[in-house]
C-alpha atoms as a PDB file:
ATOM      1  CA  UNK A   1      33.052   6.373   0.083  1.00  0.00           C
ATOM      2  CA  UNK A   2      34.720   3.096   1.072  1.00  0.00           C
ATOM      3  CA  UNK A   3      35.328   2.645   4.763  1.00  0.00           C
ATOM      4  CA  UNK A   4      32.685   5.040   5.994  1.00  0.00           C
ATOM      5  CA  UNK A   5      30.733   4.491   9.146  1.00  0.00           C
ATOM      6  CA  UNK A   6      27.091   4.592   8.098  1.00  0.00           C
ATOM      7  CA  UNK A   7      24.149   5.633  10.268  1.00  0.00           C
ATOM      8  CA  UNK A   8      20.872   4.582   8.666  1.00  0.00           C
ATOM      9  CA  UNK A   9      17.876   6.082  10.488  1.00  0.00           C
ATOM     10  CA  UNK A  10      14.565   4.913   9.122  1.00  0.00           C
ATOM     11  CA  UNK A  11      10.861   5.189   9.839  1.00  0.00           C
ATOM     12  CA  UNK A  12       7.918   7.415   9.007  1.00  0.00           C
ATOM     13  CA  UNK A  13       7.993  10.770  10.826  1.00  0.00           C
ATOM     14  CA  UNK A  14       4.324  11.253   9.822  1.00  0.00           C
ATOM     15  CA  UNK A  15       3.419   8.328  12.139  1.00  0.00           C
ATOM     16  CA  UNK A  16       4.671   9.933  15.364  1.00  0.00           C
ATOM     17  CA  UNK A  17       7.037   7.508  17.177  1.00  0.00           C
ATOM     18  CA  UNK A  18       7.664   5.544  13.978  1.00  0.00           C
ATOM     19  CA  UNK A  19       9.932   8.481  13.125  1.00  0.00           C
ATOM     20  CA  UNK A  20      12.392   7.697  15.960  1.00  0.00           C
ATOM     21  CA  UNK A  21      15.083   6.418  13.589  1.00  0.00           C
ATOM     22  CA  UNK A  22      14.685   9.449  11.364  1.00  0.00           C
ATOM     23  CA  UNK A  23      14.915  11.770  14.393  1.00  0.00           C
ATOM     24  CA  UNK A  24      18.044  10.042  15.719  1.00  0.00           C
ATOM     25  CA  UNK A  25      19.728  10.411  12.315  1.00  0.00           C
ATOM     26  CA  UNK A  26      18.889  14.137  12.273  1.00  0.00           C
ATOM     27  CA  UNK A  27      20.081  14.615  15.860  1.00  0.00           C
ATOM     28  CA  UNK A  28      23.357  12.748  15.245  1.00  0.00           C
ATOM     29  CA  UNK A  29      23.925  14.782  12.082  1.00  0.00           C
ATOM     30  CA  UNK A  30      23.486  18.013  14.057  1.00  0.00           C
ATOM     31  CA  UNK A  31      25.813  16.792  16.827  1.00  0.00           C
ATOM     32  CA  UNK A  32      28.561  15.697  14.424  1.00  0.00           C
ATOM     33  CA  UNK A  33      28.222  18.599  12.007  1.00  0.00           C
ATOM     34  CA  UNK A  34      30.404  17.582   9.044  1.00  0.00           C
ATOM     35  CA  UNK A  35      32.434  14.699  10.428  1.00  0.00           C
ATOM     36  CA  UNK A  36      34.538  12.974   7.781  1.00  0.00           C
ATOM     37  CA  UNK A  37      34.204   9.226   7.545  1.00  0.00           C
ATOM     38  CA  UNK A  38      30.607   9.211   8.812  1.00  0.00           C
ATOM     39  CA  UNK A  39      27.631   9.086   6.442  1.00  0.00           C
ATOM     40  CA  UNK A  40      24.072   9.567   7.623  1.00  0.00           C
ATOM     41  CA  UNK A  41      21.148   8.263   5.585  1.00  0.00           C
ATOM     42  CA  UNK A  42      17.480   9.063   6.240  1.00  0.00           C
ATOM     43  CA  UNK A  43      14.812   6.723   4.872  1.00  0.00           C
ATOM     44  CA  UNK A  44      11.130   5.951   5.328  1.00  0.00           C
ATOM     45  CA  UNK A  45      11.895   2.257   4.936  1.00  0.00           C
ATOM     46  CA  UNK A  46      14.745  -0.028   3.968  1.00  0.00           C
ATOM     47  CA  UNK A  47      15.120  -0.557   0.242  1.00  0.00           C
ATOM     48  CA  UNK A  48      17.120  -3.128  -1.777  1.00  0.00           C
ATOM     49  CA  UNK A  49      18.906  -0.232  -3.527  1.00  0.00           C
ATOM     50  CA  UNK A  50      20.622   0.527  -0.191  1.00  0.00           C
ATOM     51  CA  UNK A  51      22.755  -2.597  -0.654  1.00  0.00           C
ATOM     52  CA  UNK A  52      25.289  -0.515  -2.584  1.00  0.00           C
ATOM     53  CA  UNK A  53      25.616   1.989   0.292  1.00  0.00           C
ATOM     54  CA  UNK A  54      26.178  -0.912   2.680  1.00  0.00           C
ATOM     55  CA  UNK A  55      28.763  -2.542   0.410  1.00  0.00           C
ATOM     56  CA  UNK A  56      31.037   0.481   0.743  1.00  0.00           C
ATOM     57  CA  UNK A  57      30.565   0.953   4.482  1.00  0.00           C
ATOM     58  CA  UNK A  58      32.968  -0.404   7.053  1.00  0.00           C
ATOM     59  CA  UNK A  59      30.290  -0.464   9.762  1.00  0.00           C
ATOM     60  CA  UNK A  60      26.594   0.422   9.890  1.00  0.00           C
ATOM     61  CA  UNK A  61      24.193   1.348  12.663  1.00  0.00           C
ATOM     62  CA  UNK A  62      20.522   0.867  11.750  1.00  0.00           C
ATOM     63  CA  UNK A  63      18.123   2.886  13.931  1.00  0.00           C
ATOM     64  CA  UNK A  64      14.386   2.174  14.027  1.00  0.00           C
ATOM     65  CA  UNK A  65      11.346   2.340  16.277  1.00  0.00           C
ATOM     66  CA  UNK A  66       9.720  -0.785  17.658  1.00  0.00           C
ATOM     67  CA  UNK A  67       6.383  -1.598  19.267  1.00  0.00           C
ATOM     68  CA  UNK A  68       8.225  -4.130  21.423  1.00  0.00           C
ATOM     69  CA  UNK A  69       8.521  -3.232  25.106  1.00  0.00           C
ATOM     70  CA  UNK A  70      12.218  -2.774  25.839  1.00  0.00           C
ATOM     71  CA  UNK A  71      14.045  -2.575  29.122  1.00  0.00           C
ATOM     72  CA  UNK A  72      15.360   1.021  29.334  1.00  0.00           C
ATOM     73  CA  UNK A  73      13.266   1.873  26.229  1.00  0.00           C
ATOM     74  CA  UNK A  74      16.070   1.066  23.799  1.00  0.00           C
ATOM     75  CA  UNK A  75      18.288  -1.819  22.751  1.00  0.00           C
ATOM     76  CA  UNK A  76      21.566  -2.222  20.853  1.00  0.00           C
ATOM     77  CA  UNK A  77      22.044  -5.543  19.120  1.00  0.00           C
ATOM     78  CA  UNK A  78      24.713  -6.891  16.756  1.00  0.00           C
ATOM     79  CA  UNK A  79      23.112  -8.298  13.623  1.00  0.00           C
ATOM     80  CA  UNK A  80      24.380 -10.643  10.933  1.00  0.00           C
ATOM     81  CA  UNK A  81      23.495 -11.062   7.251  1.00  0.00           C
ATOM     82  CA  UNK A  82      20.464 -13.223   6.581  1.00  0.00           C
ATOM     83  CA  UNK A  83      20.352 -14.731   3.100  1.00  0.00           C
ATOM     84  CA  UNK A  84      17.009 -15.323   1.459  1.00  0.00           C
ATOM     85  CA  UNK A  85      14.637 -14.292  -1.266  1.00  0.00           C
ATOM     86  CA  UNK A  86      13.484 -10.721  -1.716  1.00  0.00           C
ATOM     87  CA  UNK A  87      10.118 -10.382   0.039  1.00  0.00           C
ATOM     88  CA  UNK A  88       7.173  -9.473  -2.188  1.00  0.00           C
ATOM     89  CA  UNK A  89       6.275  -6.679   0.227  1.00  0.00           C
ATOM     90  CA  UNK A  90       9.539  -4.792   0.647  1.00  0.00           C
ATOM     91  CA  UNK A  91       7.998  -2.750   3.489  1.00  0.00           C
ATOM     92  CA  UNK A  92       8.951  -5.737   5.632  1.00  0.00           C
ATOM     93  CA  UNK A  93      12.566  -5.753   4.476  1.00  0.00           C
ATOM     94  CA  UNK A  94      14.709  -6.008   7.611  1.00  0.00           C
ATOM     95  CA  UNK A  95      18.308  -4.959   8.253  1.00  0.00           C
ATOM     96  CA  UNK A  96      19.590  -8.563   8.410  1.00  0.00           C
ATOM     97  CA  UNK A  97      18.034  -9.353   5.041  1.00  0.00           C
ATOM     98  CA  UNK A  98      19.488  -6.170   3.544  1.00  0.00           C
ATOM     99  CA  UNK A  99      22.930  -7.209   4.818  1.00  0.00           C
ATOM    100  CA  UNK A 100      22.440 -10.655   3.241  1.00  0.00           C
ATOM    101  CA  UNK A 101      21.442  -9.045  -0.044  1.00  0.00           C
ATOM    102  CA  UNK A 102      24.527  -6.837   0.138  1.00  0.00           C
ATOM    103  CA  UNK A 103      26.736  -9.881   0.617  1.00  0.00           C
ATOM    104  CA  UNK A 104      25.008 -11.768  -2.215  1.00  0.00           C
ATOM    105  CA  UNK A 105      25.512  -8.927  -4.688  1.00  0.00           C
ATOM    106  CA  UNK A 106      28.790  -7.348  -3.596  1.00  0.00           C
ATOM    107  CA  UNK A 107      30.542 -10.251  -1.870  1.00  0.00           C
ATOM    108  CA  UNK A 108      30.938  -8.307   1.355  1.00  0.00           C
ATOM    109  CA  UNK A 109      28.915  -6.485   3.967  1.00  0.00           C
ATOM    110  CA  UNK A 110      29.768  -4.283   6.940  1.00  0.00           C
ATOM    111  CA  UNK A 111      29.694  -5.118  10.622  1.00  0.00           C
ATOM    112  CA  UNK A 112      26.234  -4.041  11.764  1.00  0.00           C
ATOM    113  CA  UNK A 113      24.228  -2.953  14.778  1.00  0.00           C
ATOM    114  CA  UNK A 114      20.472  -2.509  15.103  1.00  0.00           C
ATOM    115  CA  UNK A 115      19.395   0.108  17.620  1.00  0.00           C
ATOM    116  CA  UNK A 116      15.709  -0.252  18.471  1.00  0.00           C
ATOM    117  CA  UNK A 117      13.780   2.504  20.243  1.00  0.00           C
ATOM    118  CA  UNK A 118      10.511   1.697  21.957  1.00  0.00           C
ATOM    119  CA  UNK A 119       7.640   3.700  20.515  1.00  0.00           C
ATOM    120  CA  UNK A 120       4.351   4.390  22.275  1.00  0.00           C
ATOM    121  CA  UNK A 121       2.255   6.276  19.711  1.00  0.00           C
ATOM    122  CA  UNK A 122       2.247   5.215  16.056  1.00  0.00           C
ATOM    123  CA  UNK A 123      -0.834   7.208  15.054  1.00  0.00           C
ATOM    124  CA  UNK A 124      -0.940   9.795  12.290  1.00  0.00           C
ATOM    125  CA  UNK A 125       0.775  13.054  13.118  1.00  0.00           C
ATOM    126  CA  UNK A 126       4.144  14.603  13.729  1.00  0.00           C
ATOM    127  CA  UNK A 127       6.220  14.710  16.883  1.00  0.00           C
ATOM    128  CA  UNK A 128       7.348  12.041  19.298  1.00  0.00           C
ATOM    129  CA  UNK A 129       5.770  10.892  22.538  1.00  0.00           C
ATOM    130  CA  UNK A 130       7.616  11.990  25.685  1.00  0.00           C
ATOM    131  CA  UNK A 131       9.150   8.548  26.267  1.00  0.00           C
ATOM    132  CA  UNK A 132      10.297   8.174  22.670  1.00  0.00           C
ATOM    133  CA  UNK A 133      11.779  11.691  22.647  1.00  0.00           C
ATOM    134  CA  UNK A 134      13.820  10.905  25.784  1.00  0.00           C
ATOM    135  CA  UNK A 135      15.145   7.720  24.196  1.00  0.00           C
ATOM    136  CA  UNK A 136      15.928   9.476  20.906  1.00  0.00           C
ATOM    137  CA  UNK A 137      18.143  11.892  22.839  1.00  0.00           C
ATOM    138  CA  UNK A 138      19.849   9.067  24.770  1.00  0.00           C
ATOM    139  CA  UNK A 139      20.422   6.956  21.650  1.00  0.00           C
ATOM    140  CA  UNK A 140      21.769   9.965  19.735  1.00  0.00           C
ATOM    141  CA  UNK A 141      24.390  10.551  22.435  1.00  0.00           C
ATOM    142  CA  UNK A 142      25.235   6.835  22.566  1.00  0.00           C
ATOM    143  CA  UNK A 143      25.737   6.737  18.799  1.00  0.00           C
ATOM    144  CA  UNK A 144      27.990   9.809  18.811  1.00  0.00           C
ATOM    145  CA  UNK A 145      30.045   8.259  21.608  1.00  0.00           C
ATOM    146  CA  UNK A 146      30.169   4.962  19.698  1.00  0.00           C
ATOM    147  CA  UNK A 147      31.276   6.748  16.511  1.00  0.00           C
ATOM    148  CA  UNK A 148      33.951   8.732  18.281  1.00  0.00           C
ATOM    149  CA  UNK A 149      35.611   5.516  19.423  1.00  0.00           C
ATOM    150  CA  UNK A 150      35.848   4.433  15.783  1.00  0.00           C
ATOM    151  CA  UNK A 151      36.708   7.611  13.892  1.00  0.00           C
ATOM    152  CA  UNK A 152      40.374   8.000  13.099  1.00  0.00           C
ATOM    153  CA  UNK A 153      41.805  11.496  12.747  1.00  0.00           C
ATOM    154  CA  UNK A 154      44.368  10.811  10.016  1.00  0.00           C
ATOM    155  CA  UNK A 155      46.353  14.046  10.588  1.00  0.00           C
ATOM    156  CA  UNK A 156      46.967  13.371  14.258  1.00  0.00           C
ATOM    157  CA  UNK A 157      46.961   9.581  13.741  1.00  0.00           C
ATOM    158  CA  UNK A 158      45.074   8.743  16.879  1.00  0.00           C
ATOM    159  CA  UNK A 159      41.616   7.578  17.741  1.00  0.00           C
ATOM    160  CA  UNK A 160      39.319  10.327  18.925  1.00  0.00           C
ATOM    161  CA  UNK A 161      37.055   9.246  21.711  1.00  0.00           C
ATOM    162  CA  UNK A 162      34.914  10.614  24.494  1.00  0.00           C
ATOM    163  CA  UNK A 163      35.932   7.597  26.538  1.00  0.00           C
ATOM    164  CA  UNK A 164      39.095   7.550  28.665  1.00  0.00           C
ATOM    165  CA  UNK A 165      42.218   5.816  27.464  1.00  0.00           C
ATOM    166  CA  UNK A 166      43.902   3.850  30.237  1.00  0.00           C
ATOM    167  CA  UNK A 167      47.101   1.864  29.782  1.00  0.00           C
ATOM    168  CA  UNK A 168      46.581   1.821  26.024  1.00  0.00           C
ATOM    169  CA  UNK A 169      43.063   0.341  26.230  1.00  0.00           C
ATOM    170  CA  UNK A 170      39.902   2.148  25.207  1.00  0.00           C
ATOM    171  CA  UNK A 171      36.991   2.307  27.605  1.00  0.00           C
ATOM    172  CA  UNK A 172      34.111   1.646  25.195  1.00  0.00           C
ATOM    173  CA  UNK A 173      30.834   3.532  25.587  1.00  0.00           C
ATOM    174  CA  UNK A 174      28.177   1.770  27.575  1.00  0.00           C
ATOM    175  CA  UNK A 175      25.504   0.395  25.278  1.00  0.00           C
ATOM    176  CA  UNK A 176      22.838  -2.153  26.056  1.00  0.00           C
ATOM    177  CA  UNK A 177      23.406  -5.256  23.973  1.00  0.00           C
ATOM    178  CA  UNK A 178      21.461  -8.471  23.720  1.00  0.00           C
END
């Protein structure tokens, strides 16, 4: 659907903390229940076929695990389209490249965020490490708060938000950006 907010959680839940993005997507889905205007996509990895989903989204939040050590264990970052050639090994297809591909094919792409969650254990198996599980919960709540500031209730014609509205200005949720 055109204009949707898209949450794209990706990673391999069979590689412990690599499944952080997948777990966040599941947690956000449970928290939102059936919220109109929000689509949630689960994936093991990013795929060029996802360009069509992105073309119809108004905004996208990519969620993935990282081996990088992050202050506070998580990071929100605005990302831009990156044009280029399709990598031979699409396992290394990144969100910026996928946005660039979307723009190349469809002539548009959504505003985008990449939320990275620090993983500690990427071995075979299911379940998250304690640190990753804590950050999955925090990121899930941050995403729901973020979405609520952007989801318009068309019947009531106002913006629903968990944040306070003061003097006509929204107090945006606190997210770590870099």
